[in-house]
Amino acid sequence: MDFSIIRIARTVLHVLDLQASRKFYVDGLGMIETESDENHIYLRGLEEHSHHSLLLRKADKAVVEVLSYKVEKEQDLNEIEKLFISKGLKTKWMAKGEQHAIGRTLRVHDISGIPLEFFAEMTTVDRMLQRYDLYSGAKIQRIDHVNCAVPHVQKAYDFYVKDLGFSCSEYTDTEDGELWAAWLYRKPTVHDQAFMSGPGPKLHHFAYTLTDRLSVLDCCDVLASMGYADSIERGPGRHGLSNAFFLYLRDPDGHRIELYTGDYLTSDPDLKPKRWDLNDPLRQTFWGHKAPDRWFNETSPFIDIETGEEIECEEPFLEQRKPKIVV
């Protein structure tokens, strides 16, 4: 493999009301607003030195524009383009300066139709890690992962592991050995990219790492006091998968964000993926409480990298049944 993908690096969301989004993400969750204009808000966590890890773009419809990965060097972008072209997948270059604060980028559709973006350079800014006077809300530290619903998990798994160089930390399969969900990583944590079986491609959620469990509880108190109690969709709780302490929220446009802390190191090359049976109740939530139906059924649509039109979804490859997949 002639390129190196480092980590998940940003999410680009379309939102209807920037001021409503600012109140939720900055005042509620405690994210740092790097800068903004009348059509964009650039946000990051306290630990992050990159210009942003979440871009909110004002639009007429709440959709997901792209999921972005950082690569090691500029030449990696050319090698990744060759791979995607060889697979017959759509690619599109965006020149340096075409997007604010980010260098030359390659946009593609992956094997499932998910719009991805790869870049090597982004403007750097001051870390706020020790600016404890700015810690508020959830005290969000850094972007951690994304989770996508796709119609054929095995197909997505094979592409990311064999062609993009990801590794698997945990997976769920059926009694027949069919892959139902997979947690894949490039950085040495449980995952950068997760896949779950469902109508797709769609974004189930994007997630940020927090310092500790208390930050999750503090966030619940802050959100409730601000009138956002209905935005708390699931949790707080602990996953069986990943072992992480979690909270799922819905932003003002319905996009789902997970606050996440306490998973484990995956850097050892001899680490074996952990298998979970689809019927194991501990997999869904370690403490046993169930997720609401909308957690399984509601997702955010992606748009095409060229046309900007919403991507049409396909039904899952596996036999239809309600999944109990948790990240």
C-alpha atoms as a PDB file:
ATOM      1  CA  MET A   1       0.000   0.000   0.000  1.00  0.00           C
ATOM      2  CA  ASP A   2       1.505   3.301  -1.152  1.00  0.00           C
ATOM      3  CA  PHE A   3      -0.384   5.658   1.155  1.00  0.00           C
ATOM      4  CA  SER A   4      -1.104   6.111   4.847  1.00  0.00           C
ATOM      5  CA  ILE A   5      -4.434   7.260   6.270  1.00  0.00           C
ATOM      6  CA  ILE A   6      -3.911   8.689   9.760  1.00  0.00           C
ATOM      7  CA  ARG A   7      -7.367   9.194  11.281  1.00  0.00           C
ATOM      8  CA  ILE A   8     -10.880  10.516  10.915  1.00  0.00           C
ATOM      9  CA  ALA A   9     -10.465  14.278  10.893  1.00  0.00           C
ATOM     10  CA  ARG A  10     -13.701  16.168  10.316  1.00  0.00           C
ATOM     11  CA  THR A  11     -17.399  16.021   9.491  1.00  0.00           C
ATOM     12  CA  VAL A  12     -19.161  18.518   7.220  1.00  0.00           C
ATOM     13  CA  LEU A  13     -22.848  18.970   8.034  1.00  0.00           C
ATOM     14  CA  HIS A  14     -25.526  21.087   6.385  1.00  0.00           C
ATOM     15  CA  VAL A  15     -27.756  22.848   8.916  1.00  0.00           C
ATOM     16  CA  LEU A  16     -30.748  25.132   8.626  1.00  0.00           C
ATOM     17  CA  ASP A  17     -30.026  27.718  11.319  1.00  0.00           C
ATOM     18  CA  LEU A  18     -26.435  28.578  12.205  1.00  0.00           C
ATOM     19  CA  GLN A  19     -27.369  30.464  15.350  1.00  0.00           C
ATOM     20  CA  ALA A  20     -29.363  27.514  16.686  1.00  0.00           C
ATOM     21  CA  SER A  21     -26.419  25.231  15.894  1.00  0.00           C
ATOM     22  CA  ARG A  22     -23.972  27.595  17.613  1.00  0.00           C
ATOM     23  CA  LYS A  23     -26.079  27.623  20.772  1.00  0.00           C
ATOM     24  CA  PHE A  24     -26.136  23.816  20.859  1.00  0.00           C
ATOM     25  CA  TYR A  25     -22.518  23.046  19.957  1.00  0.00           C
ATOM     26  CA  VAL A  26     -20.718  26.005  21.562  1.00  0.00           C
ATOM     27  CA  ASP A  27     -22.900  27.029  24.498  1.00  0.00           C
ATOM     28  CA  GLY A  28     -24.250  23.549  25.201  1.00  0.00           C
ATOM     29  CA  LEU A  29     -21.450  21.114  24.362  1.00  0.00           C
ATOM     30  CA  GLY A  30     -18.542  23.501  24.932  1.00  0.00           C
ATOM     31  CA  MET A  31     -16.873  23.267  21.528  1.00  0.00           C
ATOM     32  CA  ILE A  32     -14.418  25.957  20.471  1.00  0.00           C
ATOM     33  CA  GLU A  33     -15.562  28.217  17.636  1.00  0.00           C
ATOM     34  CA  THR A  34     -12.425  28.828  15.594  1.00  0.00           C
ATOM     35  CA  GLU A  35     -14.156  31.274  13.281  1.00  0.00           C
ATOM     36  CA  SER A  36     -17.375  31.796  11.356  1.00  0.00           C
ATOM     37  CA  ASP A  37     -19.075  33.798   8.639  1.00  0.00           C
ATOM     38  CA  GLU A  38     -22.663  34.187   7.504  1.00  0.00           C
ATOM     39  CA  ASN A  39     -22.702  30.691   5.971  1.00  0.00           C
ATOM     40  CA  HIS A  40     -20.245  28.643   8.048  1.00  0.00           C
ATOM     41  CA  ILE A  41     -19.170  27.825  11.594  1.00  0.00           C
ATOM     42  CA  TYR A  42     -15.812  26.072  12.131  1.00  0.00           C
ATOM     43  CA  LEU A  43     -15.628  24.123  15.398  1.00  0.00           C
ATOM     44  CA  ARG A  44     -13.018  22.050  17.221  1.00  0.00           C
ATOM     45  CA  GLY A  45     -12.400  20.333  20.538  1.00  0.00           C
ATOM     46  CA  LEU A  46     -10.191  21.641  23.321  1.00  0.00           C
ATOM     47  CA  GLU A  47      -7.365  19.234  22.505  1.00  0.00           C
ATOM     48  CA  GLU A  48      -7.341  19.808  18.762  1.00  0.00           C
ATOM     49  CA  HIS A  49      -4.683  21.886  17.019  1.00  0.00           C
ATOM     50  CA  SER A  50      -6.308  21.596  13.579  1.00  0.00           C
ATOM     51  CA  HIS A  51      -8.442  24.548  12.493  1.00  0.00           C
ATOM     52  CA  HIS A  52     -11.652  22.535  12.833  1.00  0.00           C
ATOM     53  CA  SER A  53     -13.076  19.041  13.056  1.00  0.00           C
ATOM     54  CA  LEU A  54     -16.701  20.011  12.500  1.00  0.00           C
ATOM     55  CA  LEU A  55     -17.869  22.332   9.740  1.00  0.00           C
ATOM     56  CA  LEU A  56     -21.468  23.523   9.857  1.00  0.00           C
ATOM     57  CA  ARG A  57     -22.644  24.914   6.535  1.00  0.00           C
ATOM     58  CA  LYS A  58     -25.908  26.844   6.228  1.00  0.00           C
ATOM     59  CA  ALA A  59     -28.272  25.177   3.767  1.00  0.00           C
ATOM     60  CA  ASP A  60     -31.916  24.522   2.969  1.00  0.00           C
ATOM     61  CA  LYS A  61     -31.779  20.859   3.972  1.00  0.00           C
ATOM     62  CA  ALA A  62     -30.052  19.009   6.811  1.00  0.00           C
ATOM     63  CA  VAL A  63     -27.712  16.508   5.131  1.00  0.00           C
ATOM     64  CA  VAL A  64     -24.118  15.270   5.418  1.00  0.00           C
ATOM     65  CA  GLU A  65     -21.742  16.660   2.815  1.00  0.00           C
ATOM     66  CA  VAL A  66     -18.644  14.569   3.485  1.00  0.00           C
ATOM     67  CA  LEU A  67     -16.591  12.622   6.055  1.00  0.00           C
ATOM     68  CA  SER A  68     -12.915  13.611   6.023  1.00  0.00           C
ATOM     69  CA  TYR A  69      -9.737  11.637   6.682  1.00  0.00           C
ATOM     70  CA  LYS A  70      -6.270  13.060   7.208  1.00  0.00           C
ATOM     71  CA  VAL A  71      -3.385  11.385   5.384  1.00  0.00           C
ATOM     72  CA  GLU A  72       0.315  11.451   6.163  1.00  0.00           C
ATOM     73  CA  LYS A  73       1.597  13.383   3.150  1.00  0.00           C
ATOM     74  CA  GLU A  74       0.444  15.158   0.006  1.00  0.00           C
ATOM     75  CA  GLN A  75       1.564  12.365  -2.328  1.00  0.00           C
ATOM     76  CA  ASP A  76      -0.811   9.988  -0.559  1.00  0.00           C
ATOM     77  CA  LEU A  77      -3.707  11.822  -2.175  1.00  0.00           C
ATOM     78  CA  ASN A  78      -2.513  10.900  -5.657  1.00  0.00           C
ATOM     79  CA  GLU A  79      -2.115   7.252  -4.681  1.00  0.00           C
ATOM     80  CA  ILE A  80      -5.578   7.148  -3.146  1.00  0.00           C
ATOM     81  CA  GLU A  81      -7.013   8.626  -6.330  1.00  0.00           C
ATOM     82  CA  LYS A  82      -5.402   5.808  -8.340  1.00  0.00           C
ATOM     83  CA  LEU A  83      -7.011   3.230  -6.073  1.00  0.00           C
ATOM     84  CA  PHE A  84     -10.495   4.681  -6.341  1.00  0.00           C
ATOM     85  CA  ILE A  85     -10.242   5.090 -10.117  1.00  0.00           C
ATOM     86  CA  SER A  86      -9.088   1.469 -10.418  1.00  0.00           C
ATOM     87  CA  LYS A  87     -12.259   0.424  -8.578  1.00  0.00           C
ATOM     88  CA  GLY A  88     -14.453   2.483 -10.903  1.00  0.00           C
ATOM     89  CA  LEU A  89     -15.441   4.845  -8.074  1.00  0.00           C
ATOM     90  CA  LYS A  90     -16.186   8.530  -8.481  1.00  0.00           C
ATOM     91  CA  THR A  91     -13.421  11.037  -7.616  1.00  0.00           C
ATOM     92  CA  LYS A  92     -13.239  14.841  -7.535  1.00  0.00           C
ATOM     93  CA  TRP A  93     -10.332  17.180  -6.753  1.00  0.00           C
ATOM     94  CA  MET A  94     -10.771  20.387  -4.762  1.00  0.00           C
ATOM     95  CA  ALA A  95      -7.815  22.728  -5.122  1.00  0.00           C
ATOM     96  CA  LYS A  96      -6.010  24.392  -2.244  1.00  0.00           C
ATOM     97  CA  GLY A  97      -7.959  27.535  -1.377  1.00  0.00           C
ATOM     98  CA  GLU A  98     -11.227  26.170  -2.692  1.00  0.00           C
ATOM     99  CA  GLN A  99     -12.164  25.273   0.883  1.00  0.00           C
ATOM    100  CA  HIS A 100     -11.301  27.548   3.786  1.00  0.00           C
ATOM    101  CA  ALA A 101      -8.407  26.488   6.067  1.00  0.00           C
ATOM    102  CA  ILE A 102      -7.782  23.176   4.291  1.00  0.00           C
ATOM    103  CA  GLY A 103      -5.328  22.229   1.572  1.00  0.00           C
ATOM    104  CA  ARG A 104      -5.842  20.275  -1.623  1.00  0.00           C
ATOM    105  CA  THR A 105      -8.433  17.583  -1.056  1.00  0.00           C
ATOM    106  CA  LEU A 106      -9.604  14.503  -2.876  1.00  0.00           C
ATOM    107  CA  ARG A 107     -13.303  13.728  -2.631  1.00  0.00           C
ATOM    108  CA  VAL A 108     -14.545  10.260  -3.515  1.00  0.00           C
ATOM    109  CA  HIS A 109     -17.417   7.868  -3.078  1.00  0.00           C
ATOM    110  CA  ASP A 110     -16.412   4.663  -1.318  1.00  0.00           C
ATOM    111  CA  ILE A 111     -17.585   1.165  -2.213  1.00  0.00           C
ATOM    112  CA  SER A 112     -20.895   1.778  -0.373  1.00  0.00           C
ATOM    113  CA  GLY A 113     -21.460   5.234  -1.851  1.00  0.00           C
ATOM    114  CA  ILE A 114     -20.339   7.196   1.232  1.00  0.00           C
ATOM    115  CA  PRO A 115     -18.814  10.585   0.304  1.00  0.00           C
ATOM    116  CA  LEU A 116     -15.285  10.713   1.709  1.00  0.00           C
ATOM    117  CA  GLU A 117     -12.589  13.358   1.605  1.00  0.00           C
ATOM    118  CA  PHE A 118      -8.838  12.956   2.041  1.00  0.00           C
ATOM    119  CA  PHE A 119      -6.433  15.794   2.846  1.00  0.00           C
ATOM    120  CA  ALA A 120      -2.891  16.253   4.142  1.00  0.00           C
ATOM    121  CA  GLU A 121      -2.893  19.910   5.222  1.00  0.00           C
ATOM    122  CA  MET A 122      -5.126  22.014   7.429  1.00  0.00           C
ATOM    123  CA  THR A 123      -4.412  25.364   9.075  1.00  0.00           C
ATOM    124  CA  THR A 124      -3.210  24.895  12.647  1.00  0.00           C
ATOM    125  CA  VAL A 125      -4.348  26.902  15.660  1.00  0.00           C
ATOM    126  CA  ASP A 126      -3.592  27.054  19.369  1.00  0.00           C
ATOM    127  CA  ARG A 127      -4.564  24.051  21.457  1.00  0.00           C
ATOM    128  CA  MET A 128      -6.936  24.925  24.275  1.00  0.00           C
ATOM    129  CA  LEU A 129      -6.130  21.786  26.279  1.00  0.00           C
ATOM    130  CA  GLN A 130      -4.870  23.726  29.314  1.00  0.00           C
ATOM    131  CA  ARG A 131      -7.227  26.661  28.965  1.00  0.00           C
ATOM    132  CA  TYR A 132      -9.350  25.282  31.790  1.00  0.00           C
ATOM    133  CA  ASP A 133     -11.127  28.607  32.033  1.00  0.00           C
ATOM    134  CA  LEU A 134     -12.767  27.733  28.688  1.00  0.00           C
ATOM    135  CA  TYR A 135     -13.947  24.271  29.747  1.00  0.00           C
ATOM    136  CA  SER A 136     -17.737  24.133  29.663  1.00  0.00           C
ATOM    137  CA  GLY A 137     -20.573  21.798  28.737  1.00  0.00           C
ATOM    138  CA  ALA A 138     -19.149  18.387  27.809  1.00  0.00           C
ATOM    139  CA  LYS A 139     -15.595  19.754  27.644  1.00  0.00           C
ATOM    140  CA  ILE A 140     -15.189  18.066  24.243  1.00  0.00           C
ATOM    141  CA  GLN A 141     -11.597  17.072  23.480  1.00  0.00           C
ATOM    142  CA  ARG A 142     -11.307  15.676  19.916  1.00  0.00           C
ATOM    143  CA  ILE A 143     -13.142  13.896  17.131  1.00  0.00           C
ATOM    144  CA  ASP A 144     -13.118  10.126  17.604  1.00  0.00           C
ATOM    145  CA  HIS A 145     -15.136   8.231  14.992  1.00  0.00           C
ATOM    146  CA  VAL A 146     -18.046   8.032  12.585  1.00  0.00           C
ATOM    147  CA  ASN A 147     -20.617   5.262  12.219  1.00  0.00           C
ATOM    148  CA  CYS A 148     -22.432   4.610   8.944  1.00  0.00           C
ATOM    149  CA  ALA A 149     -25.356   2.419   7.957  1.00  0.00           C
ATOM    150  CA  VAL A 150     -24.573   0.497   4.778  1.00  0.00           C
ATOM    151  CA  PRO A 151     -26.516  -2.169   2.896  1.00  0.00           C
ATOM    152  CA  HIS A 152     -23.617  -4.661   2.731  1.00  0.00           C
ATOM    153  CA  VAL A 153     -21.260  -4.608   5.724  1.00  0.00           C
ATOM    154  CA  GLN A 154     -18.973  -7.370   4.431  1.00  0.00           C
ATOM    155  CA  LYS A 155     -18.390  -5.432   1.219  1.00  0.00           C
ATOM    156  CA  ALA A 156     -17.541  -2.264   3.168  1.00  0.00           C
ATOM    157  CA  TYR A 157     -15.302  -4.217   5.556  1.00  0.00           C
ATOM    158  CA  ASP A 158     -13.326  -5.828   2.735  1.00  0.00           C
ATOM    159  CA  PHE A 159     -12.728  -2.494   1.005  1.00  0.00           C
ATOM    160  CA  TYR A 160     -11.570  -0.652   4.111  1.00  0.00           C
ATOM    161  CA  VAL A 161      -9.350  -3.466   5.405  1.00  0.00           C
ATOM    162  CA  LYS A 162      -7.878  -4.818   2.178  1.00  0.00           C
ATOM    163  CA  ASP A 163      -7.680  -1.623   0.123  1.00  0.00           C
ATOM    164  CA  LEU A 164      -7.475   1.270   2.618  1.00  0.00           C
ATOM    165  CA  GLY A 165      -5.391  -0.405   5.344  1.00  0.00           C
ATOM    166  CA  PHE A 166      -7.825  -0.331   8.264  1.00  0.00           C
ATOM    167  CA  SER A 167      -7.794  -2.903  11.077  1.00  0.00           C
ATOM    168  CA  CYS A 168     -10.747  -4.417  12.921  1.00  0.00           C
ATOM    169  CA  SER A 169     -11.125  -4.185  16.706  1.00  0.00           C
ATOM    170  CA  GLU A 170     -14.583  -5.712  17.177  1.00  0.00           C
ATOM    171  CA  TYR A 171     -17.368  -7.122  15.032  1.00  0.00           C
ATOM    172  CA  THR A 172     -20.856  -8.577  15.243  1.00  0.00           C
ATOM    173  CA  ASP A 173     -22.127 -11.470  13.182  1.00  0.00           C
ATOM    174  CA  THR A 174     -25.210 -13.640  12.897  1.00  0.00           C
ATOM    175  CA  GLU A 175     -25.664 -17.325  13.690  1.00  0.00           C
ATOM    176  CA  ASP A 176     -24.904 -17.991  10.025  1.00  0.00           C
ATOM    177  CA  GLY A 177     -21.615 -16.101  10.243  1.00  0.00           C
ATOM    178  CA  GLU A 178     -22.832 -13.094   8.251  1.00  0.00           C
ATOM    179  CA  LEU A 179     -21.075  -9.868   9.204  1.00  0.00           C
ATOM    180  CA  TRP A 180     -23.627  -7.474  10.715  1.00  0.00           C
ATOM    181  CA  ALA A 181     -21.381  -4.673  11.989  1.00  0.00           C
ATOM    182  CA  ALA A 182     -17.673  -3.869  12.208  1.00  0.00           C
ATOM    183  CA  TRP A 183     -15.481  -1.403  14.091  1.00  0.00           C
ATOM    184  CA  LEU A 184     -12.411  -0.397  12.075  1.00  0.00           C
ATOM    185  CA  TYR A 185      -9.476   1.815  13.000  1.00  0.00           C
ATOM    186  CA  ARG A 186      -6.390   3.614  11.747  1.00  0.00           C
ATOM    187  CA  LYS A 187      -5.458   5.513  14.908  1.00  0.00           C
ATOM    188  CA  PRO A 188      -4.758   3.264  17.936  1.00  0.00           C
ATOM    189  CA  THR A 189      -8.245   3.303  19.484  1.00  0.00           C
ATOM    190  CA  VAL A 190     -11.299   1.100  18.931  1.00  0.00           C
ATOM    191  CA  HIS A 191     -12.443   2.780  15.727  1.00  0.00           C
ATOM    192  CA  ASP A 192     -12.328   5.615  13.270  1.00  0.00           C
ATOM    193  CA  GLN A 193     -15.029   4.114  11.055  1.00  0.00           C
ATOM    194  CA  ALA A 194     -17.855   1.777  12.041  1.00  0.00           C
ATOM    195  CA  PHE A 195     -20.378   0.086   9.785  1.00  0.00           C
ATOM    196  CA  MET A 196     -23.773  -1.293  10.702  1.00  0.00           C
ATOM    197  CA  SER A 197     -26.275  -3.095   8.515  1.00  0.00           C
ATOM    198  CA  GLY A 198     -29.163  -0.903   7.416  1.00  0.00           C
ATOM    199  CA  PRO A 199     -30.617   1.149   4.572  1.00  0.00           C
ATOM    200  CA  GLY A 200     -27.740   3.194   3.278  1.00  0.00           C
ATOM    201  CA  PRO A 201     -25.395   4.745   2.792  1.00  0.00           C
ATOM    202  CA  LYS A 202     -26.348   7.047   5.653  1.00  0.00           C
ATOM    203  CA  LEU A 203     -24.567   8.569   8.643  1.00  0.00           C
ATOM    204  CA  HIS A 204     -25.752   7.122  11.922  1.00  0.00           C
ATOM    205  CA  HIS A 205     -23.576   9.347  14.093  1.00  0.00           C
ATOM    206  CA  PHE A 206     -20.266  11.108  14.518  1.00  0.00           C
ATOM    207  CA  ALA A 207     -18.502  11.050  17.883  1.00  0.00           C
ATOM    208  CA  TYR A 208     -16.205  13.082  20.093  1.00  0.00           C
ATOM    209  CA  THR A 209     -13.933  11.951  22.915  1.00  0.00           C
ATOM    210  CA  LEU A 210     -14.302  13.461  26.391  1.00  0.00           C
ATOM    211  CA  THR A 211     -11.874  13.432  29.296  1.00  0.00           C
ATOM    212  CA  ASP A 212     -13.968  11.325  31.686  1.00  0.00           C
ATOM    213  CA  ARG A 213     -17.435  10.043  32.629  1.00  0.00           C
ATOM    214  CA  LEU A 214     -18.189  13.073  34.771  1.00  0.00           C
ATOM    215  CA  SER A 215     -17.984  15.256  31.670  1.00  0.00           C
ATOM    216  CA  VAL A 216     -20.868  13.247  30.195  1.00  0.00           C
ATOM    217  CA  LEU A 217     -22.973  13.856  33.289  1.00  0.00           C
ATOM    218  CA  ASP A 218     -22.053  17.540  33.387  1.00  0.00           C
ATOM    219  CA  CYS A 219     -23.167  17.831  29.782  1.00  0.00           C
ATOM    220  CA  CYS A 220     -26.571  16.327  30.611  1.00  0.00           C
ATOM    221  CA  ASP A 221     -27.063  18.882  33.381  1.00  0.00           C
ATOM    222  CA  VAL A 222     -26.054  21.778  31.150  1.00  0.00           C
ATOM    223  CA  LEU A 223     -28.235  20.676  28.238  1.00  0.00           C
ATOM    224  CA  ALA A 224     -31.258  20.135  30.476  1.00  0.00           C
ATOM    225  CA  SER A 225     -30.826  23.545  32.074  1.00  0.00           C
ATOM    226  CA  MET A 226     -30.712  25.115  28.593  1.00  0.00           C
ATOM    227  CA  GLY A 227     -33.939  23.415  27.517  1.00  0.00           C
ATOM    228  CA  TYR A 228     -32.302  20.641  25.495  1.00  0.00           C
ATOM    229  CA  ALA A 229     -33.578  17.677  27.542  1.00  0.00           C
ATOM    230  CA  ASP A 230     -35.372  16.315  24.470  1.00  0.00           C
ATOM    231  CA  SER A 231     -32.044  16.305  22.614  1.00  0.00           C
ATOM    232  CA  ILE A 232     -30.755  13.569  24.935  1.00  0.00           C
ATOM    233  CA  GLU A 233     -31.638  10.472  22.917  1.00  0.00           C
ATOM    234  CA  ARG A 234     -29.838   7.605  24.648  1.00  0.00           C
ATOM    235  CA  GLY A 235     -27.700   7.179  27.744  1.00  0.00           C
ATOM    236  CA  PRO A 236     -25.657   7.908  29.708  1.00  0.00           C
ATOM    237  CA  GLY A 237     -24.515   4.304  29.701  1.00  0.00           C
ATOM    238  CA  ARG A 238     -21.680   1.920  28.949  1.00  0.00           C
ATOM    239  CA  HIS A 239     -21.286  -0.045  25.743  1.00  0.00           C
ATOM    240  CA  GLY A 240     -20.403  -3.704  25.749  1.00  0.00           C
ATOM    241  CA  LEU A 241     -18.784  -3.100  22.387  1.00  0.00           C
ATOM    242  CA  SER A 242     -15.737  -0.838  22.887  1.00  0.00           C
ATOM    243  CA  ASN A 243     -16.343  -0.662  26.689  1.00  0.00           C
ATOM    244  CA  ALA A 244     -16.871   3.082  26.281  1.00  0.00           C
ATOM    245  CA  PHE A 245     -19.099   5.309  28.402  1.00  0.00           C
ATOM    246  CA  PHE A 246     -21.522   7.057  26.046  1.00  0.00           C
ATOM    247  CA  LEU A 247     -24.257   9.606  25.474  1.00  0.00           C
ATOM    248  CA  TYR A 248     -26.172  10.084  22.220  1.00  0.00           C
ATOM    249  CA  LEU A 249     -27.626  13.482  21.370  1.00  0.00           C
ATOM    250  CA  ARG A 250     -29.574  14.959  18.467  1.00  0.00           C
ATOM    251  CA  ASP A 251     -28.604  18.439  17.330  1.00  0.00           C
ATOM    252  CA  PRO A 252     -31.200  21.054  16.257  1.00  0.00           C
ATOM    253  CA  ASP A 253     -31.251  19.571  12.735  1.00  0.00           C
ATOM    254  CA  GLY A 254     -31.555  15.959  13.859  1.00  0.00           C
ATOM    255  CA  HIS A 255     -27.936  14.958  13.229  1.00  0.00           C
ATOM    256  CA  ARG A 256     -26.783  12.466  15.863  1.00  0.00           C
ATOM    257  CA  ILE A 257     -23.610  13.079  17.878  1.00  0.00           C
ATOM    258  CA  GLU A 258     -22.118  10.677  20.406  1.00  0.00           C
ATOM    259  CA  LEU A 259     -20.065  11.783  23.403  1.00  0.00           C
ATOM    260  CA  TYR A 260     -17.633   9.003  24.169  1.00  0.00           C
ATOM    261  CA  THR A 261     -14.948   8.133  26.721  1.00  0.00           C
ATOM    262  CA  GLY A 262     -13.102   5.144  28.150  1.00  0.00           C
ATOM    263  CA  ASP A 263     -12.349   2.793  25.250  1.00  0.00           C
ATOM    264  CA  TYR A 264      -9.022   0.973  24.916  1.00  0.00           C
ATOM    265  CA  LEU A 265      -5.679   0.903  23.070  1.00  0.00           C
ATOM    266  CA  THR A 266      -5.426  -1.033  19.798  1.00  0.00           C
ATOM    267  CA  SER A 267      -1.813  -0.374  18.767  1.00  0.00           C
ATOM    268  CA  ASP A 268      -0.431  -3.894  19.372  1.00  0.00           C
ATOM    269  CA  PRO A 269      -0.085  -5.729  16.051  1.00  0.00           C
ATOM    270  CA  ASP A 270      -1.130  -9.046  17.612  1.00  0.00           C
ATOM    271  CA  LEU A 271      -4.461  -7.678  18.890  1.00  0.00           C
ATOM    272  CA  LYS A 272      -7.264  -9.993  17.744  1.00  0.00           C
ATOM    273  CA  PRO A 273     -10.731  -8.642  16.866  1.00  0.00           C
ATOM    274  CA  LYS A 274     -13.402  -9.355  19.460  1.00  0.00           C
ATOM    275  CA  ARG A 275     -16.487 -11.168  18.172  1.00  0.00           C
ATOM    276  CA  TRP A 276     -19.979 -10.398  19.454  1.00  0.00           C
ATOM    277  CA  ASP A 277     -23.006 -12.519  18.728  1.00  0.00           C
ATOM    278  CA  LEU A 278     -25.957 -10.546  17.389  1.00  0.00           C
ATOM    279  CA  ASN A 279     -28.160 -11.933  20.159  1.00  0.00           C
ATOM    280  CA  ASP A 280     -25.826 -11.059  23.042  1.00  0.00           C
ATOM    281  CA  PRO A 281     -27.679  -8.436  25.171  1.00  0.00           C
ATOM    282  CA  LEU A 282     -24.435  -7.113  26.680  1.00  0.00           C
ATOM    283  CA  ARG A 283     -23.355  -5.961  23.246  1.00  0.00           C
ATOM    284  CA  GLN A 284     -26.140  -3.416  22.990  1.00  0.00           C
ATOM    285  CA  THR A 285     -25.602  -1.841  26.406  1.00  0.00           C
ATOM    286  CA  PHE A 286     -23.448  -3.326  29.138  1.00  0.00           C
ATOM    287  CA  TRP A 287     -25.951  -2.237  31.796  1.00  0.00           C
ATOM    288  CA  GLY A 288     -28.900  -3.760  29.967  1.00  0.00           C
ATOM    289  CA  HIS A 289     -31.150  -0.780  29.204  1.00  0.00           C
ATOM    290  CA  LYS A 290     -32.500  -0.632  25.662  1.00  0.00           C
ATOM    291  CA  ALA A 291     -32.151   2.086  23.057  1.00  0.00           C
ATOM    292  CA  PRO A 292     -35.227   3.882  21.702  1.00  0.00           C
ATOM    293  CA  ASP A 293     -36.558   2.768  18.320  1.00  0.00           C
ATOM    294  CA  ARG A 294     -35.495   5.997  16.641  1.00  0.00           C
ATOM    295  CA  TRP A 295     -31.859   5.258  17.513  1.00  0.00           C
ATOM    296  CA  PHE A 296     -32.077   2.310  15.118  1.00  0.00           C
ATOM    297  CA  ASN A 297     -34.328   3.843  12.482  1.00  0.00           C
ATOM    298  CA  GLU A 298     -33.257   7.482  12.044  1.00  0.00           C
ATOM    299  CA  THR A 299     -30.082   8.493  10.195  1.00  0.00           C
ATOM    300  CA  SER A 300     -28.696  11.467   8.243  1.00  0.00           C
ATOM    301  CA  PRO A 301     -28.556  11.313   4.430  1.00  0.00           C
ATOM    302  CA  PHE A 302     -25.390  11.891   2.398  1.00  0.00           C
ATOM    303  CA  ILE A 303     -25.121  13.972  -0.774  1.00  0.00           C
ATOM    304  CA  ASP A 304     -23.276  13.272  -4.015  1.00  0.00           C
ATOM    305  CA  ILE A 305     -19.814  14.873  -4.320  1.00  0.00           C
ATOM    306  CA  GLU A 306     -20.608  16.175  -7.818  1.00  0.00           C
ATOM    307  CA  THR A 307     -24.326  16.873  -8.031  1.00  0.00           C
ATOM    308  CA  GLY A 308     -25.040  17.762  -4.396  1.00  0.00           C
ATOM    309  CA  GLU A 309     -28.189  15.642  -4.642  1.00  0.00           C
ATOM    310  CA  GLU A 310     -29.176  13.287  -1.848  1.00  0.00           C
ATOM    311  CA  ILE A 311     -27.766   9.791  -2.410  1.00  0.00           C
ATOM    312  CA  GLU A 312     -30.374   7.110  -2.956  1.00  0.00           C
ATOM    313  CA  CYS A 313     -30.355   4.373  -0.348  1.00  0.00           C
ATOM    314  CA  GLU A 314     -30.331   0.613  -0.847  1.00  0.00           C
ATOM    315  CA  GLU A 315     -31.963  -1.903   1.459  1.00  0.00           C
ATOM    316  CA  PRO A 316     -29.690  -4.146   3.562  1.00  0.00           C
ATOM    317  CA  PHE A 317     -28.161  -7.219   1.974  1.00  0.00           C
ATOM    318  CA  LEU A 318     -28.938  -9.384   5.001  1.00  0.00           C
ATOM    319  CA  GLU A 319     -32.404 -10.545   5.951  1.00  0.00           C
ATOM    320  CA  GLN A 320     -34.395  -7.725   7.519  1.00  0.00           C
ATOM    321  CA  ARG A 321     -34.466  -7.704  11.328  1.00  0.00           C
ATOM    322  CA  LYS A 322     -34.082  -4.984  13.915  1.00  0.00           C
ATOM    323  CA  PRO A 323     -30.376  -4.599  14.680  1.00  0.00           C
ATOM    324  CA  LYS A 324     -29.041  -4.033  18.146  1.00  0.00           C
ATOM    325  CA  ILE A 325     -25.709  -2.553  17.135  1.00  0.00           C
ATOM    326  CA  VAL A 326     -23.978  -0.137  19.497  1.00  0.00           C
ATOM    327  CA  VAL A 327     -20.814   1.884  19.105  1.00  0.00           C
END
